Amino acid sequence: MDEERIVLSERQKKAQRSRSIAIGLALAAFVVLVYFGSVLKFGAALFNRPI
């Protein structure tokens, strides 16, 4: 079977990497936002509960 592979140019590789970094940063920001939102909603009692 003859597979054709797509070869990206350097410009395309750089753009793909930039998009990947932007998605990663957005995901990290969302996680931090949800974490701090939870802390604000539940207050300091969140950390004083028995495990």
PDB file of N, CA and C in Angstrom:
ATOM      1  N   MET A   1       0.838  -1.174   0.000  1.00  0.00           N
ATOM      2  CA  MET A   1       0.000   0.000   0.000  1.00  0.00           C
ATOM      3  C   MET A   1       0.889   1.246   0.000  1.00  0.00           C
ATOM      4  N   ASP A   2       0.618   2.136  -0.904  1.00  0.00           N
ATOM      5  CA  ASP A   2       1.449   3.331  -1.049  1.00  0.00           C
ATOM      6  C   ASP A   2       0.858   4.469  -0.220  1.00  0.00           C
ATOM      7  N   GLU A   3       1.513   4.780   0.887  1.00  0.00           N
ATOM      8  CA  GLU A   3       1.024   5.852   1.759  1.00  0.00           C
ATOM      9  C   GLU A   3       1.626   7.179   1.346  1.00  0.00           C
ATOM     10  N   GLU A   4       0.775   8.178   1.260  1.00  0.00           N
ATOM     11  CA  GLU A   4       1.257   9.518   0.993  1.00  0.00           C
ATOM     12  C   GLU A   4       1.286  10.269   2.314  1.00  0.00           C
ATOM     13  N   ARG A   5       2.419  10.817   2.629  1.00  0.00           N
ATOM     14  CA  ARG A   5       2.565  11.560   3.880  1.00  0.00           C
ATOM     15  C   ARG A   5       2.586  13.048   3.578  1.00  0.00           C
ATOM     16  N   ILE A   6       1.945  13.790   4.451  1.00  0.00           N
ATOM     17  CA  ILE A   6       1.934  15.246   4.305  1.00  0.00           C
ATOM     18  C   ILE A   6       3.162  15.790   5.021  1.00  0.00           C
ATOM     19  N   VAL A   7       3.939  16.562   4.314  1.00  0.00           N
ATOM     20  CA  VAL A   7       5.136  17.168   4.887  1.00  0.00           C
ATOM     21  C   VAL A   7       4.854  18.658   5.082  1.00  0.00           C
ATOM     22  N   LEU A   8       4.954  19.090   6.331  1.00  0.00           N
ATOM     23  CA  LEU A   8       4.688  20.494   6.644  1.00  0.00           C
ATOM     24  C   LEU A   8       5.926  21.337   6.401  1.00  0.00           C
ATOM     25  N   SER A   9       5.696  22.555   5.944  1.00  0.00           N
ATOM     26  CA  SER A   9       6.810  23.482   5.789  1.00  0.00           C
ATOM     27  C   SER A   9       7.201  24.005   7.172  1.00  0.00           C
ATOM     28  N   GLU A  10       8.325  24.659   7.236  1.00  0.00           N
ATOM     29  CA  GLU A  10       8.779  25.219   8.516  1.00  0.00           C
ATOM     30  C   GLU A  10       7.772  26.232   9.050  1.00  0.00           C
ATOM     31  N   ARG A  11       7.193  27.021   8.155  1.00  0.00           N
ATOM     32  CA  ARG A  11       6.195  28.021   8.567  1.00  0.00           C
ATOM     33  C   ARG A  11       4.962  27.341   9.160  1.00  0.00           C
ATOM     34  N   GLN A  12       4.539  26.242   8.559  1.00  0.00           N
ATOM     35  CA  GLN A  12       3.381  25.517   9.059  1.00  0.00           C
ATOM     36  C   GLN A  12       3.682  24.852  10.408  1.00  0.00           C
ATOM     37  N   LYS A  13       4.896  24.326  10.550  1.00  0.00           N
ATOM     38  CA  LYS A  13       5.296  23.714  11.823  1.00  0.00           C
ATOM     39  C   LYS A  13       5.313  24.760  12.939  1.00  0.00           C
ATOM     40  N   LYS A  14       5.829  25.952  12.616  1.00  0.00           N
ATOM     41  CA  LYS A  14       5.884  27.029  13.609  1.00  0.00           C
ATOM     42  C   LYS A  14       4.470  27.463  13.998  1.00  0.00           C
ATOM     43  N   ALA A  15       3.574  27.577  13.012  1.00  0.00           N
ATOM     44  CA  ALA A  15       2.188  27.964  13.289  1.00  0.00           C
ATOM     45  C   ALA A  15       1.495  26.899  14.135  1.00  0.00           C
ATOM     46  N   GLN A  16       1.745  25.626  13.823  1.00  0.00           N
ATOM     47  CA  GLN A  16       1.135  24.534  14.588  1.00  0.00           C
ATOM     48  C   GLN A  16       1.631  24.556  16.032  1.00  0.00           C
ATOM     49  N   ARG A  17       2.917  24.784  16.206  1.00  0.00           N
ATOM     50  CA  ARG A  17       3.483  24.847  17.565  1.00  0.00           C
ATOM     51  C   ARG A  17       2.904  26.030  18.335  1.00  0.00           C
ATOM     52  N   SER A  18       2.763  27.169  17.670  1.00  0.00           N
ATOM     53  CA  SER A  18       2.184  28.338  18.330  1.00  0.00           C
ATOM     54  C   SER A  18       0.748  28.069  18.768  1.00  0.00           C
ATOM     55  N   ARG A  19      -0.029  27.414  17.901  1.00  0.00           N
ATOM     56  CA  ARG A  19      -1.409  27.066  18.268  1.00  0.00           C
ATOM     57  C   ARG A  19      -1.435  26.099  19.445  1.00  0.00           C
ATOM     58  N   SER A  20      -0.537  25.127  19.432  1.00  0.00           N
ATOM     59  CA  SER A  20      -0.490  24.149  20.523  1.00  0.00           C
ATOM     60  C   SER A  20      -0.160  24.829  21.850  1.00  0.00           C
ATOM     61  N   ILE A  21       0.782  25.747  21.823  1.00  0.00           N
ATOM     62  CA  ILE A  21       1.155  26.480  23.043  1.00  0.00           C
ATOM     63  C   ILE A  21      -0.022  27.325  23.520  1.00  0.00           C
ATOM     64  N   ALA A  22      -0.718  27.985  22.585  1.00  0.00           N
ATOM     65  CA  ALA A  22      -1.863  28.823  22.954  1.00  0.00           C
ATOM     66  C   ALA A  22      -2.974  27.973  23.569  1.00  0.00           C
ATOM     67  N   ILE A  23      -3.235  26.809  23.007  1.00  0.00           N
ATOM     68  CA  ILE A  23      -4.260  25.917  23.558  1.00  0.00           C
ATOM     69  C   ILE A  23      -3.848  25.440  24.946  1.00  0.00           C
ATOM     70  N   GLY A  24      -2.583  25.098  25.114  1.00  0.00           N
ATOM     71  CA  GLY A  24      -2.086  24.662  26.423  1.00  0.00           C
ATOM     72  C   GLY A  24      -2.216  25.753  27.479  1.00  0.00           C
ATOM     73  N   LEU A  25      -1.865  26.974  27.115  1.00  0.00           N
ATOM     74  CA  LEU A  25      -1.979  28.089  28.061  1.00  0.00           C
ATOM     75  C   LEU A  25      -3.435  28.378  28.404  1.00  0.00           C
ATOM     76  N   ALA A  26      -4.318  28.288  27.398  1.00  0.00           N
ATOM     77  CA  ALA A  26      -5.744  28.508  27.654  1.00  0.00           C
ATOM     78  C   ALA A  26      -6.292  27.430  28.583  1.00  0.00           C
ATOM     79  N   LEU A  27      -5.879  26.200  28.385  1.00  0.00           N
ATOM     80  CA  LEU A  27      -6.321  25.102  29.253  1.00  0.00           C
ATOM     81  C   LEU A  27      -5.817  25.302  30.679  1.00  0.00           C
ATOM     82  N   ALA A  28      -4.558  25.691  30.826  1.00  0.00           N
ATOM     83  CA  ALA A  28      -4.002  25.943  32.156  1.00  0.00           C
ATOM     84  C   ALA A  28      -4.735  27.097  32.840  1.00  0.00           C
ATOM     85  N   ALA A  29      -5.042  28.154  32.095  1.00  0.00           N
ATOM     86  CA  ALA A  29      -5.771  29.288  32.665  1.00  0.00           C
ATOM     87  C   ALA A  29      -7.163  28.856  33.113  1.00  0.00           C
ATOM     88  N   PHE A  30      -7.817  28.004  32.332  1.00  0.00           N
ATOM     89  CA  PHE A  30      -9.139  27.505  32.700  1.00  0.00           C
ATOM     90  C   PHE A  30      -9.079  26.681  33.988  1.00  0.00           C
ATOM     91  N   VAL A  31      -8.080  25.823  34.112  1.00  0.00           N
ATOM     92  CA  VAL A  31      -7.922  25.004  35.325  1.00  0.00           C
ATOM     93  C   VAL A  31      -7.718  25.902  36.537  1.00  0.00           C
ATOM     94  N   VAL A  32      -6.867  26.912  36.411  1.00  0.00           N
ATOM     95  CA  VAL A  32      -6.614  27.843  37.519  1.00  0.00           C
ATOM     96  C   VAL A  32      -7.896  28.599  37.866  1.00  0.00           C
ATOM     97  N   LEU A  33      -8.635  29.024  36.862  1.00  0.00           N
ATOM     98  CA  LEU A  33      -9.884  29.745  37.083  1.00  0.00           C
ATOM     99  C   LEU A  33     -10.902  28.878  37.827  1.00  0.00           C
ATOM    100  N   VAL A  34     -11.043  27.628  37.422  1.00  0.00           N
ATOM    101  CA  VAL A  34     -11.977  26.717  38.099  1.00  0.00           C
ATOM    102  C   VAL A  34     -11.523  26.450  39.530  1.00  0.00           C
ATOM    103  N   TYR A  35     -10.226  26.276  39.726  1.00  0.00           N
ATOM    104  CA  TYR A  35      -9.696  26.025  41.069  1.00  0.00           C
ATOM    105  C   TYR A  35      -9.997  27.199  42.004  1.00  0.00           C
ATOM    106  N   PHE A  36      -9.649  28.406  41.571  1.00  0.00           N
ATOM    107  CA  PHE A  36      -9.881  29.563  42.431  1.00  0.00           C
ATOM    108  C   PHE A  36     -11.369  29.867  42.581  1.00  0.00           C
ATOM    109  N   GLY A  37     -12.146  29.583  41.556  1.00  0.00           N
ATOM    110  CA  GLY A  37     -13.593  29.737  41.673  1.00  0.00           C
ATOM    111  C   GLY A  37     -14.160  28.803  42.723  1.00  0.00           C
ATOM    112  N   SER A  38     -13.642  27.579  42.774  1.00  0.00           N
ATOM    113  CA  SER A  38     -14.086  26.618  43.791  1.00  0.00           C
ATOM    114  C   SER A  38     -13.694  27.073  45.189  1.00  0.00           C
ATOM    115  N   VAL A  39     -12.482  27.575  45.323  1.00  0.00           N
ATOM    116  CA  VAL A  39     -12.017  28.050  46.626  1.00  0.00           C
ATOM    117  C   VAL A  39     -12.881  29.224  47.086  1.00  0.00           C
ATOM    118  N   LEU A  40     -13.190  30.143  46.171  1.00  0.00           N
ATOM    119  CA  LEU A  40     -14.020  31.286  46.547  1.00  0.00           C
ATOM    120  C   LEU A  40     -15.439  30.855  46.896  1.00  0.00           C
ATOM    121  N   LYS A  41     -15.972  29.889  46.174  1.00  0.00           N
ATOM    122  CA  LYS A  41     -17.345  29.451  46.423  1.00  0.00           C
ATOM    123  C   LYS A  41     -17.462  28.731  47.767  1.00  0.00           C
ATOM    124  N   PHE A  42     -16.523  27.835  48.050  1.00  0.00           N
ATOM    125  CA  PHE A  42     -16.604  27.044  49.275  1.00  0.00           C
ATOM    126  C   PHE A  42     -15.900  27.705  50.453  1.00  0.00           C
ATOM    127  N   GLY A  43     -15.061  28.665  50.192  1.00  0.00           N
ATOM    128  CA  GLY A  43     -14.394  29.406  51.249  1.00  0.00           C
ATOM    129  C   GLY A  43     -13.268  28.623  51.902  1.00  0.00           C
ATOM    130  N   ALA A  44     -12.786  29.159  53.005  1.00  0.00           N
ATOM    131  CA  ALA A  44     -11.666  28.543  53.704  1.00  0.00           C
ATOM    132  C   ALA A  44     -12.044  27.206  54.316  1.00  0.00           C
ATOM    133  N   ALA A  45     -13.332  26.954  54.536  1.00  0.00           N
ATOM    134  CA  ALA A  45     -13.771  25.683  55.116  1.00  0.00           C
ATOM    135  C   ALA A  45     -13.428  24.506  54.216  1.00  0.00           C
ATOM    136  N   LEU A  46     -13.160  24.771  52.969  1.00  0.00           N
ATOM    137  CA  LEU A  46     -12.798  23.704  52.029  1.00  0.00           C
ATOM    138  C   LEU A  46     -11.558  22.973  52.500  1.00  0.00           C
ATOM    139  N   PHE A  47     -10.625  23.691  53.132  1.00  0.00           N
ATOM    140  CA  PHE A  47      -9.375  23.084  53.558  1.00  0.00           C
ATOM    141  C   PHE A  47      -9.418  22.576  54.991  1.00  0.00           C
ATOM    142  N   ASN A  48     -10.495  22.856  55.745  1.00  0.00           N
ATOM    143  CA  ASN A  48     -10.594  22.438  57.137  1.00  0.00           C
ATOM    144  C   ASN A  48     -11.478  21.202  57.346  1.00  0.00           C
ATOM    145  N   ARG A  49     -11.854  20.565  56.281  1.00  0.00           N
ATOM    146  CA  ARG A  49     -12.742  19.404  56.407  1.00  0.00           C
ATOM    147  C   ARG A  49     -11.916  18.139  56.647  1.00  0.00           C
ATOM    148  N   PRO A  50     -12.507  17.151  57.335  1.00  0.00           N
ATOM    149  CA  PRO A  50     -11.782  15.902  57.554  1.00  0.00           C
ATOM    150  C   PRO A  50     -11.648  15.111  56.240  1.00  0.00           C
ATOM    151  N   ILE A  51     -10.569  14.412  56.126  1.00  0.00           N
ATOM    152  CA  ILE A  51     -10.335  13.632  54.898  1.00  0.00           C
ATOM    153  C   ILE A  51     -10.760  12.193  55.080  1.00  0.00           C
TER     154      ILE A  51
END
